[in-house]
Amino acid sequence: MIYDTLPKDPVMLLSFINTQLRDNYASFEDFANAFHLDAEATQAALGAIDYTYDPTVNQFV
């Protein structure tokens, strides 16, 4: 499963996801599908450090 290779630290995960969104994916949904992620769990993990997905900028802010 690809998810196992993603950073476990929320700040590192944030950086990785935002970089991927900027460079490779048009939306978080596209990213989550490509990496076989539980999108809700990932958003909750990033929400724990006060970041939410903003589709207008395609980044967690």
C-alpha atoms as a PDB file:
ATOM      1  CA  MET A   1       0.000   0.000   0.000  1.00  0.00           C
ATOM      2  CA  ILE A   2       1.432   3.357  -1.016  1.00  0.00           C
ATOM      3  CA  TYR A   3       0.122   5.108   2.119  1.00  0.00           C
ATOM      4  CA  ASP A   4       2.716   3.273   4.217  1.00  0.00           C
ATOM      5  CA  THR A   5       5.472   5.168   2.427  1.00  0.00           C
ATOM      6  CA  LEU A   6       4.109   8.626   3.247  1.00  0.00           C
ATOM      7  CA  PRO A   7       5.568  10.617   6.147  1.00  0.00           C
ATOM      8  CA  LYS A   8       3.971   9.873   9.517  1.00  0.00           C
ATOM      9  CA  ASP A   9       4.870  13.240  11.047  1.00  0.00           C
ATOM     10  CA  PRO A  10       1.959  15.621  10.277  1.00  0.00           C
ATOM     11  CA  VAL A  11       4.216  18.555   9.345  1.00  0.00           C
ATOM     12  CA  MET A  12       6.254  16.425   6.965  1.00  0.00           C
ATOM     13  CA  LEU A  13       3.031  14.958   5.566  1.00  0.00           C
ATOM     14  CA  LEU A  14       1.709  18.468   4.996  1.00  0.00           C
ATOM     15  CA  SER A  15       4.839  19.443   3.107  1.00  0.00           C
ATOM     16  CA  PHE A  16       4.782  16.298   0.991  1.00  0.00           C
ATOM     17  CA  ILE A  17       1.088  16.597   0.109  1.00  0.00           C
ATOM     18  CA  ASN A  18       1.258  20.310  -0.721  1.00  0.00           C
ATOM     19  CA  THR A  19       4.269  19.701  -2.951  1.00  0.00           C
ATOM     20  CA  GLN A  20       2.459  16.882  -4.735  1.00  0.00           C
ATOM     21  CA  LEU A  21      -0.663  19.013  -5.131  1.00  0.00           C
ATOM     22  CA  ARG A  22       1.374  21.887  -6.538  1.00  0.00           C
ATOM     23  CA  ASP A  23       3.413  19.774  -8.942  1.00  0.00           C
ATOM     24  CA  ASN A  24       1.303  16.774  -9.925  1.00  0.00           C
ATOM     25  CA  TYR A  25      -2.376  16.778  -8.947  1.00  0.00           C
ATOM     26  CA  ALA A  26      -5.326  19.020  -9.784  1.00  0.00           C
ATOM     27  CA  SER A  27      -7.108  18.246  -6.505  1.00  0.00           C
ATOM     28  CA  PHE A  28      -6.710  16.519  -3.159  1.00  0.00           C
ATOM     29  CA  GLU A  29      -9.211  13.918  -4.363  1.00  0.00           C
ATOM     30  CA  ASP A  30      -6.930  13.079  -7.314  1.00  0.00           C
ATOM     31  CA  PHE A  31      -3.949  12.823  -4.964  1.00  0.00           C
ATOM     32  CA  ALA A  32      -5.827  10.652  -2.455  1.00  0.00           C
ATOM     33  CA  ASN A  33      -6.988   8.304  -5.208  1.00  0.00           C
ATOM     34  CA  ALA A  34      -3.494   8.003  -6.676  1.00  0.00           C
ATOM     35  CA  PHE A  35      -1.985   7.169  -3.272  1.00  0.00           C
ATOM     36  CA  HIS A  36      -4.899   4.979  -2.141  1.00  0.00           C
ATOM     37  CA  LEU A  37      -5.398   7.193   0.905  1.00  0.00           C
ATOM     38  CA  ASP A  38      -8.216   7.394   3.368  1.00  0.00           C
ATOM     39  CA  ALA A  39      -8.894  11.031   2.507  1.00  0.00           C
ATOM     40  CA  GLU A  40     -10.905  11.722   5.663  1.00  0.00           C
ATOM     41  CA  ALA A  41      -8.198  10.295   7.946  1.00  0.00           C
ATOM     42  CA  THR A  42      -5.528  12.310   6.128  1.00  0.00           C
ATOM     43  CA  GLN A  43      -7.554  15.504   6.394  1.00  0.00           C
ATOM     44  CA  ALA A  44      -8.112  14.785  10.105  1.00  0.00           C
ATOM     45  CA  ALA A  45      -4.366  14.308  10.650  1.00  0.00           C
ATOM     46  CA  LEU A  46      -3.643  17.642   8.993  1.00  0.00           C
ATOM     47  CA  GLY A  47      -6.584  19.245  10.788  1.00  0.00           C
ATOM     48  CA  ALA A  48      -4.904  18.277  14.062  1.00  0.00           C
ATOM     49  CA  ILE A  49      -2.165  20.784  13.198  1.00  0.00           C
ATOM     50  CA  ASP A  50      -4.745  23.367  12.071  1.00  0.00           C
ATOM     51  CA  TYR A  51      -4.538  22.873   8.313  1.00  0.00           C
ATOM     52  CA  THR A  52      -7.526  22.378   6.027  1.00  0.00           C
ATOM     53  CA  TYR A  53      -7.728  21.777   2.308  1.00  0.00           C
ATOM     54  CA  ASP A  54      -8.598  24.843   0.247  1.00  0.00           C
ATOM     55  CA  PRO A  55      -9.676  23.764  -3.247  1.00  0.00           C
ATOM     56  CA  THR A  56      -9.382  27.296  -4.622  1.00  0.00           C
ATOM     57  CA  VAL A  57      -5.602  27.168  -4.182  1.00  0.00           C
ATOM     58  CA  ASN A  58      -5.309  23.353  -4.206  1.00  0.00           C
ATOM     59  CA  GLN A  59      -3.284  23.378  -0.987  1.00  0.00           C
ATOM     60  CA  PHE A  60      -3.672  22.699   2.696  1.00  0.00           C
ATOM     61  CA  VAL A  61      -3.552  26.101   4.373  1.00  0.00           C
END
